[in-house]
């Protein structure tokens, strides 16, 4: 295993640990001593990380990933820093991704830190889920694109701690517009909890490299 491979695996492990920590912190009682100790550890690690050099995330490859065809069946996300489905993302949803013909299905179980109203998933989390999973359709049609709009209809409460299936597809093209639709279903009851439509705007993969060149450096923590 190369050093780069080891770093990728270590970051994926840390990302999962941070996600699990968030759910444990929200979903379990803790003593003041435990909370204070947690704060000290996290503040100490943050203080170690911030002085390090800015990290390159290979942004020039982002558009190329969208134009790479996805295999049939289960597949792995290749962009570990992707906020919703990346293995290294502290905010990720731990999606189990599948391609079925021209559709993408993401199996997910929303947990404690995803709660909005009592015992229901937060609507913004559900919207982020759809935006992310719609993006994988680009790997079906081999087309780089940006999200143009996203419409969500909450048809029923989205439960926590139950397996959900988010299934999406391309409906049609209108020039540069890609019209997509999808549903979020409770796997056990087959209840459709949410429906969504989106418009993506097709672009050349080089557009992402141009945006990277224009992006300012991230601010310091205290800025």
C-alpha atoms as a PDB file:
ATOM      1  CA  UNK A   1       0.000   0.000   0.000  1.00  0.00           C
ATOM      2  CA  UNK A   2       1.346   3.437  -0.917  1.00  0.00           C
ATOM      3  CA  UNK A   3       1.427   6.375   1.476  1.00  0.00           C
ATOM      4  CA  UNK A   4      -1.328   8.053  -0.584  1.00  0.00           C
ATOM      5  CA  UNK A   5      -3.538   4.949  -0.268  1.00  0.00           C
ATOM      6  CA  UNK A   6      -2.931   4.832   3.474  1.00  0.00           C
ATOM      7  CA  UNK A   7      -3.923   8.495   3.814  1.00  0.00           C
ATOM      8  CA  UNK A   8      -7.143   7.905   1.838  1.00  0.00           C
ATOM      9  CA  UNK A   9      -8.103   4.992   4.088  1.00  0.00           C
ATOM     10  CA  UNK A  10      -7.168   6.901   7.234  1.00  0.00           C
ATOM     11  CA  UNK A  11      -9.285   9.893   6.147  1.00  0.00           C
ATOM     12  CA  UNK A  12     -12.241   7.591   5.406  1.00  0.00           C
ATOM     13  CA  UNK A  13     -11.930   6.060   8.874  1.00  0.00           C
ATOM     14  CA  UNK A  14     -11.746   9.502  10.493  1.00  0.00           C
ATOM     15  CA  UNK A  15     -14.744  10.721   8.513  1.00  0.00           C
ATOM     16  CA  UNK A  16     -16.830   7.780   9.717  1.00  0.00           C
ATOM     17  CA  UNK A  17     -15.646   8.326  13.295  1.00  0.00           C
ATOM     18  CA  UNK A  18     -16.658  12.004  13.164  1.00  0.00           C
ATOM     19  CA  UNK A  19     -20.098  11.101  11.785  1.00  0.00           C
ATOM     20  CA  UNK A  20     -20.629   8.469  14.481  1.00  0.00           C
ATOM     21  CA  UNK A  21     -19.501  10.971  17.108  1.00  0.00           C
ATOM     22  CA  UNK A  22     -22.098  13.463  15.909  1.00  0.00           C
ATOM     23  CA  UNK A  23     -24.899  10.936  16.188  1.00  0.00           C
ATOM     24  CA  UNK A  24     -23.699   9.763  19.601  1.00  0.00           C
ATOM     25  CA  UNK A  25     -23.479  13.354  20.843  1.00  0.00           C
ATOM     26  CA  UNK A  26     -27.016  14.176  19.666  1.00  0.00           C
ATOM     27  CA  UNK A  27     -28.628  10.815  20.422  1.00  0.00           C
ATOM     28  CA  UNK A  28     -27.190   9.948  23.843  1.00  0.00           C
ATOM     29  CA  UNK A  29     -27.041  11.617  27.259  1.00  0.00           C
ATOM     30  CA  UNK A  30     -23.576  12.699  28.394  1.00  0.00           C
ATOM     31  CA  UNK A  31     -22.213  14.039  31.661  1.00  0.00           C
ATOM     32  CA  UNK A  32     -20.688  17.508  31.920  1.00  0.00           C
ATOM     33  CA  UNK A  33     -17.290  15.868  32.451  1.00  0.00           C
ATOM     34  CA  UNK A  34     -17.695  13.859  29.217  1.00  0.00           C
ATOM     35  CA  UNK A  35     -18.789  16.926  27.276  1.00  0.00           C
ATOM     36  CA  UNK A  36     -15.906  19.013  28.634  1.00  0.00           C
ATOM     37  CA  UNK A  37     -13.410  16.246  27.822  1.00  0.00           C
ATOM     38  CA  UNK A  38     -14.840  15.960  24.303  1.00  0.00           C
ATOM     39  CA  UNK A  39     -14.490  19.716  23.812  1.00  0.00           C
ATOM     40  CA  UNK A  40     -10.880  19.684  24.983  1.00  0.00           C
ATOM     41  CA  UNK A  41      -9.926  16.824  22.660  1.00  0.00           C
ATOM     42  CA  UNK A  42     -11.636  18.334  19.614  1.00  0.00           C
ATOM     43  CA  UNK A  43     -10.315  21.837  20.251  1.00  0.00           C
ATOM     44  CA  UNK A  44      -6.803  20.401  20.627  1.00  0.00           C
ATOM     45  CA  UNK A  45      -6.969  18.484  17.346  1.00  0.00           C
ATOM     46  CA  UNK A  46      -8.398  21.533  15.520  1.00  0.00           C
ATOM     47  CA  UNK A  47      -5.520  23.631  16.853  1.00  0.00           C
ATOM     48  CA  UNK A  48      -3.081  21.076  15.405  1.00  0.00           C
ATOM     49  CA  UNK A  49      -4.748  20.960  11.976  1.00  0.00           C
ATOM     50  CA  UNK A  50      -5.320  24.645  11.195  1.00  0.00           C
ATOM     51  CA  UNK A  51      -1.621  25.667  10.898  1.00  0.00           C
ATOM     52  CA  UNK A  52      -1.007  22.903   8.309  1.00  0.00           C
ATOM     53  CA  UNK A  53      -0.711  23.778   4.593  1.00  0.00           C
ATOM     54  CA  UNK A  54      -3.930  24.129   2.587  1.00  0.00           C
ATOM     55  CA  UNK A  55      -4.926  20.788   1.115  1.00  0.00           C
ATOM     56  CA  UNK A  56      -5.453  20.242  -2.621  1.00  0.00           C
ATOM     57  CA  UNK A  57      -8.580  18.196  -3.351  1.00  0.00           C
ATOM     58  CA  UNK A  58      -7.882  17.424  -7.031  1.00  0.00           C
ATOM     59  CA  UNK A  59     -10.737  19.693  -8.105  1.00  0.00           C
ATOM     60  CA  UNK A  60      -9.691  19.533 -11.751  1.00  0.00           C
ATOM     61  CA  UNK A  61     -10.924  15.919 -11.785  1.00  0.00           C
ATOM     62  CA  UNK A  62     -14.455  16.738 -10.589  1.00  0.00           C
ATOM     63  CA  UNK A  63     -15.966  17.296 -14.022  1.00  0.00           C
ATOM     64  CA  UNK A  64     -14.202  14.227 -15.386  1.00  0.00           C
ATOM     65  CA  UNK A  65     -15.805  12.105 -12.646  1.00  0.00           C
ATOM     66  CA  UNK A  66     -19.233  13.230 -13.812  1.00  0.00           C
ATOM     67  CA  UNK A  67     -18.411  12.093 -17.336  1.00  0.00           C
ATOM     68  CA  UNK A  68     -17.168   8.665 -16.230  1.00  0.00           C
ATOM     69  CA  UNK A  69     -19.794   5.955 -16.771  1.00  0.00           C
ATOM     70  CA  UNK A  70     -20.951   4.173 -13.631  1.00  0.00           C
ATOM     71  CA  UNK A  71     -21.069   0.360 -13.582  1.00  0.00           C
ATOM     72  CA  UNK A  72     -24.273  -1.613 -13.155  1.00  0.00           C
ATOM     73  CA  UNK A  73     -25.020  -2.860  -9.651  1.00  0.00           C
ATOM     74  CA  UNK A  74     -23.334  -1.603  -6.499  1.00  0.00           C
ATOM     75  CA  UNK A  75     -20.608   1.010  -6.957  1.00  0.00           C
ATOM     76  CA  UNK A  76     -18.371   3.168  -4.786  1.00  0.00           C
ATOM     77  CA  UNK A  77     -18.257   6.948  -4.795  1.00  0.00           C
ATOM     78  CA  UNK A  78     -14.806   8.031  -5.995  1.00  0.00           C
ATOM     79  CA  UNK A  79     -14.958  11.570  -4.535  1.00  0.00           C
ATOM     80  CA  UNK A  80     -14.251  10.990  -0.844  1.00  0.00           C
ATOM     81  CA  UNK A  81     -14.761  14.667   0.097  1.00  0.00           C
ATOM     82  CA  UNK A  82     -18.249  14.815  -1.464  1.00  0.00           C
ATOM     83  CA  UNK A  83     -20.295  16.352   1.407  1.00  0.00           C
ATOM     84  CA  UNK A  84     -23.297  13.994   1.373  1.00  0.00           C
ATOM     85  CA  UNK A  85     -21.862  10.680   0.155  1.00  0.00           C
ATOM     86  CA  UNK A  86     -18.100  11.024   0.586  1.00  0.00           C
ATOM     87  CA  UNK A  87     -16.416   8.540   2.909  1.00  0.00           C
ATOM     88  CA  UNK A  88     -14.259  11.286   4.432  1.00  0.00           C
ATOM     89  CA  UNK A  89     -17.041  13.842   4.834  1.00  0.00           C
ATOM     90  CA  UNK A  90     -17.905  14.715   8.450  1.00  0.00           C
ATOM     91  CA  UNK A  91     -21.473  15.447   7.262  1.00  0.00           C
ATOM     92  CA  UNK A  92     -21.998  12.354   5.093  1.00  0.00           C
ATOM     93  CA  UNK A  93     -25.045  10.082   5.102  1.00  0.00           C
ATOM     94  CA  UNK A  94     -23.222   6.756   4.505  1.00  0.00           C
ATOM     95  CA  UNK A  95     -25.052   5.952   1.275  1.00  0.00           C
ATOM     96  CA  UNK A  96     -25.133   2.457  -0.233  1.00  0.00           C
ATOM     97  CA  UNK A  97     -25.109   3.249  -3.968  1.00  0.00           C
ATOM     98  CA  UNK A  98     -26.455   1.116  -6.820  1.00  0.00           C
ATOM     99  CA  UNK A  99     -27.105   1.523 -10.523  1.00  0.00           C
ATOM    100  CA  UNK A 100     -30.160  -0.302 -11.912  1.00  0.00           C
ATOM    101  CA  UNK A 101     -30.184   0.119 -15.700  1.00  0.00           C
ATOM    102  CA  UNK A 102     -30.517   3.908 -16.153  1.00  0.00           C
ATOM    103  CA  UNK A 103     -31.605   4.632 -12.562  1.00  0.00           C
ATOM    104  CA  UNK A 104     -29.548   5.338  -9.451  1.00  0.00           C
ATOM    105  CA  UNK A 105     -30.629   4.009  -6.064  1.00  0.00           C
ATOM    106  CA  UNK A 106     -29.117   5.114  -2.766  1.00  0.00           C
ATOM    107  CA  UNK A 107     -29.998   3.137   0.355  1.00  0.00           C
ATOM    108  CA  UNK A 108     -29.665   5.180   3.531  1.00  0.00           C
ATOM    109  CA  UNK A 109     -30.636   5.120   7.200  1.00  0.00           C
ATOM    110  CA  UNK A 110     -30.957   8.592   8.708  1.00  0.00           C
ATOM    111  CA  UNK A 111     -29.841   8.829  12.311  1.00  0.00           C
ATOM    112  CA  UNK A 112     -29.990  11.000  15.443  1.00  0.00           C
ATOM    113  CA  UNK A 113     -28.156  14.054  14.103  1.00  0.00           C
ATOM    114  CA  UNK A 114     -30.497  14.150  11.079  1.00  0.00           C
ATOM    115  CA  UNK A 115     -33.614  14.776  13.180  1.00  0.00           C
ATOM    116  CA  UNK A 116     -35.756  17.845  12.492  1.00  0.00           C
ATOM    117  CA  UNK A 117     -39.245  17.601  13.998  1.00  0.00           C
ATOM    118  CA  UNK A 118     -39.402  14.909  16.707  1.00  0.00           C
ATOM    119  CA  UNK A 119     -38.752  11.454  15.235  1.00  0.00           C
ATOM    120  CA  UNK A 120     -38.596  12.837  11.680  1.00  0.00           C
ATOM    121  CA  UNK A 121     -35.706  13.623   9.377  1.00  0.00           C
ATOM    122  CA  UNK A 122     -34.886  17.281   8.791  1.00  0.00           C
ATOM    123  CA  UNK A 123     -36.223  18.483   5.441  1.00  0.00           C
ATOM    124  CA  UNK A 124     -32.922  20.130   4.539  1.00  0.00           C
ATOM    125  CA  UNK A 125     -31.071  16.856   5.027  1.00  0.00           C
ATOM    126  CA  UNK A 126     -33.545  15.153   2.683  1.00  0.00           C
ATOM    127  CA  UNK A 127     -33.089  17.915   0.088  1.00  0.00           C
ATOM    128  CA  UNK A 128     -29.298  17.517   0.275  1.00  0.00           C
ATOM    129  CA  UNK A 129     -29.715  13.765  -0.181  1.00  0.00           C
ATOM    130  CA  UNK A 130     -31.662  14.270  -3.417  1.00  0.00           C
ATOM    131  CA  UNK A 131     -29.243  16.871  -4.780  1.00  0.00           C
ATOM    132  CA  UNK A 132     -26.344  14.508  -4.199  1.00  0.00           C
ATOM    133  CA  UNK A 133     -28.005  11.386  -5.610  1.00  0.00           C
ATOM    134  CA  UNK A 134     -29.279  13.278  -8.667  1.00  0.00           C
ATOM    135  CA  UNK A 135     -25.624  14.046  -9.346  1.00  0.00           C
ATOM    136  CA  UNK A 136     -24.884  10.359  -9.896  1.00  0.00           C
ATOM    137  CA  UNK A 137     -27.258  10.317 -12.877  1.00  0.00           C
ATOM    138  CA  UNK A 138     -24.564  12.308 -14.660  1.00  0.00           C
ATOM    139  CA  UNK A 139     -22.425   9.173 -14.509  1.00  0.00           C
ATOM    140  CA  UNK A 140     -25.203   7.275 -16.314  1.00  0.00           C
ATOM    141  CA  UNK A 141     -25.421   9.750 -19.202  1.00  0.00           C
ATOM    142  CA  UNK A 142     -21.712  10.723 -19.175  1.00  0.00           C
ATOM    143  CA  UNK A 143     -22.381  14.435 -18.846  1.00  0.00           C
ATOM    144  CA  UNK A 144     -20.900  17.093 -16.573  1.00  0.00           C
ATOM    145  CA  UNK A 145     -23.527  19.502 -15.188  1.00  0.00           C
ATOM    146  CA  UNK A 146     -24.509  21.904 -12.403  1.00  0.00           C
ATOM    147  CA  UNK A 147     -27.721  21.871 -10.371  1.00  0.00           C
ATOM    148  CA  UNK A 148     -30.066  24.514 -11.788  1.00  0.00           C
ATOM    149  CA  UNK A 149     -33.080  23.991  -9.545  1.00  0.00           C
ATOM    150  CA  UNK A 150     -34.397  21.428  -7.089  1.00  0.00           C
ATOM    151  CA  UNK A 151     -38.028  20.963  -6.019  1.00  0.00           C
ATOM    152  CA  UNK A 152     -38.964  18.779  -3.037  1.00  0.00           C
ATOM    153  CA  UNK A 153     -42.446  17.609  -2.021  1.00  0.00           C
ATOM    154  CA  UNK A 154     -42.696  16.095   1.456  1.00  0.00           C
ATOM    155  CA  UNK A 155     -45.538  13.613   1.035  1.00  0.00           C
ATOM    156  CA  UNK A 156     -45.189  11.819   4.390  1.00  0.00           C
ATOM    157  CA  UNK A 157     -42.907  11.976   7.443  1.00  0.00           C
ATOM    158  CA  UNK A 158     -39.418  10.685   6.690  1.00  0.00           C
ATOM    159  CA  UNK A 159     -38.549   8.294   9.533  1.00  0.00           C
ATOM    160  CA  UNK A 160     -35.254   7.925  11.355  1.00  0.00           C
ATOM    161  CA  UNK A 161     -33.459   4.619  11.976  1.00  0.00           C
ATOM    162  CA  UNK A 162     -35.220   2.848   9.077  1.00  0.00           C
ATOM    163  CA  UNK A 163     -33.793   1.914   5.707  1.00  0.00           C
ATOM    164  CA  UNK A 164     -34.845   4.345   2.983  1.00  0.00           C
ATOM    165  CA  UNK A 165     -34.393   4.067  -0.781  1.00  0.00           C
ATOM    166  CA  UNK A 166     -33.736   7.222  -2.809  1.00  0.00           C
ATOM    167  CA  UNK A 167     -34.226   6.333  -6.477  1.00  0.00           C
ATOM    168  CA  UNK A 168     -33.670   8.853  -9.292  1.00  0.00           C
ATOM    169  CA  UNK A 169     -33.398   9.029 -13.085  1.00  0.00           C
ATOM    170  CA  UNK A 170     -33.197  11.334 -16.103  1.00  0.00           C
ATOM    171  CA  UNK A 171     -36.632  11.997 -17.596  1.00  0.00           C
ATOM    172  CA  UNK A 172     -35.621  13.999 -20.666  1.00  0.00           C
ATOM    173  CA  UNK A 173     -33.286  16.617 -22.142  1.00  0.00           C
ATOM    174  CA  UNK A 174     -34.249  20.079 -23.348  1.00  0.00           C
ATOM    175  CA  UNK A 175     -31.173  21.595 -24.918  1.00  0.00           C
ATOM    176  CA  UNK A 176     -28.641  22.022 -22.132  1.00  0.00           C
ATOM    177  CA  UNK A 177     -31.295  21.288 -19.507  1.00  0.00           C
ATOM    178  CA  UNK A 178     -31.418  17.823 -17.937  1.00  0.00           C
ATOM    179  CA  UNK A 179     -34.806  17.121 -16.308  1.00  0.00           C
ATOM    180  CA  UNK A 180     -34.639  14.560 -13.479  1.00  0.00           C
ATOM    181  CA  UNK A 181     -37.082  13.054 -10.999  1.00  0.00           C
ATOM    182  CA  UNK A 182     -36.976  10.751  -7.992  1.00  0.00           C
ATOM    183  CA  UNK A 183     -38.621   9.352  -4.873  1.00  0.00           C
ATOM    184  CA  UNK A 184     -37.593   8.561  -1.313  1.00  0.00           C
ATOM    185  CA  UNK A 185     -39.328   5.423  -0.040  1.00  0.00           C
ATOM    186  CA  UNK A 186     -39.499   3.644   3.309  1.00  0.00           C
ATOM    187  CA  UNK A 187     -38.203   0.209   2.302  1.00  0.00           C
ATOM    188  CA  UNK A 188     -40.185  -1.745   4.903  1.00  0.00           C
ATOM    189  CA  UNK A 189     -43.592  -0.123   4.370  1.00  0.00           C
ATOM    190  CA  UNK A 190     -43.087   0.969   0.735  1.00  0.00           C
ATOM    191  CA  UNK A 191     -44.431   4.408   1.710  1.00  0.00           C
ATOM    192  CA  UNK A 192     -43.275   7.212  -0.585  1.00  0.00           C
ATOM    193  CA  UNK A 193     -42.086   9.868   1.860  1.00  0.00           C
ATOM    194  CA  UNK A 194     -40.703  12.450  -0.570  1.00  0.00           C
ATOM    195  CA  UNK A 195     -40.762  13.158  -4.289  1.00  0.00           C
ATOM    196  CA  UNK A 196     -38.354  15.470  -6.089  1.00  0.00           C
ATOM    197  CA  UNK A 197     -37.617  16.986  -9.471  1.00  0.00           C
ATOM    198  CA  UNK A 198     -34.520  18.831 -10.584  1.00  0.00           C
ATOM    199  CA  UNK A 199     -33.049  20.672 -13.535  1.00  0.00           C
ATOM    200  CA  UNK A 200     -29.340  20.276 -14.163  1.00  0.00           C
ATOM    201  CA  UNK A 201     -27.497  22.443 -16.681  1.00  0.00           C
ATOM    202  CA  UNK A 202     -24.951  20.595 -18.823  1.00  0.00           C
ATOM    203  CA  UNK A 203     -21.455  22.099 -19.156  1.00  0.00           C
ATOM    204  CA  UNK A 204     -18.016  21.117 -20.390  1.00  0.00           C
ATOM    205  CA  UNK A 205     -15.892  19.350 -17.779  1.00  0.00           C
ATOM    206  CA  UNK A 206     -13.303  22.132 -18.177  1.00  0.00           C
ATOM    207  CA  UNK A 207     -15.758  24.535 -16.534  1.00  0.00           C
ATOM    208  CA  UNK A 208     -14.977  23.017 -13.154  1.00  0.00           C
ATOM    209  CA  UNK A 209     -11.256  23.590 -13.596  1.00  0.00           C
ATOM    210  CA  UNK A 210     -11.967  27.261 -14.374  1.00  0.00           C
ATOM    211  CA  UNK A 211     -13.979  27.634 -11.181  1.00  0.00           C
ATOM    212  CA  UNK A 212     -11.148  26.076  -9.202  1.00  0.00           C
ATOM    213  CA  UNK A 213      -8.696  28.602 -10.590  1.00  0.00           C
ATOM    214  CA  UNK A 214     -10.990  31.457  -9.484  1.00  0.00           C
ATOM    215  CA  UNK A 215     -11.642  30.106  -5.985  1.00  0.00           C
ATOM    216  CA  UNK A 216     -10.016  32.106  -3.167  1.00  0.00           C
ATOM    217  CA  UNK A 217      -7.997  30.422  -0.454  1.00  0.00           C
ATOM    218  CA  UNK A 218     -10.025  29.373   2.620  1.00  0.00           C
ATOM    219  CA  UNK A 219      -9.887  31.861   5.523  1.00  0.00           C
ATOM    220  CA  UNK A 220      -8.045  31.184   8.734  1.00  0.00           C
ATOM    221  CA  UNK A 221     -10.150  29.770  11.546  1.00  0.00           C
ATOM    222  CA  UNK A 222     -10.212  33.072  13.445  1.00  0.00           C
ATOM    223  CA  UNK A 223     -10.874  35.262  10.376  1.00  0.00           C
END
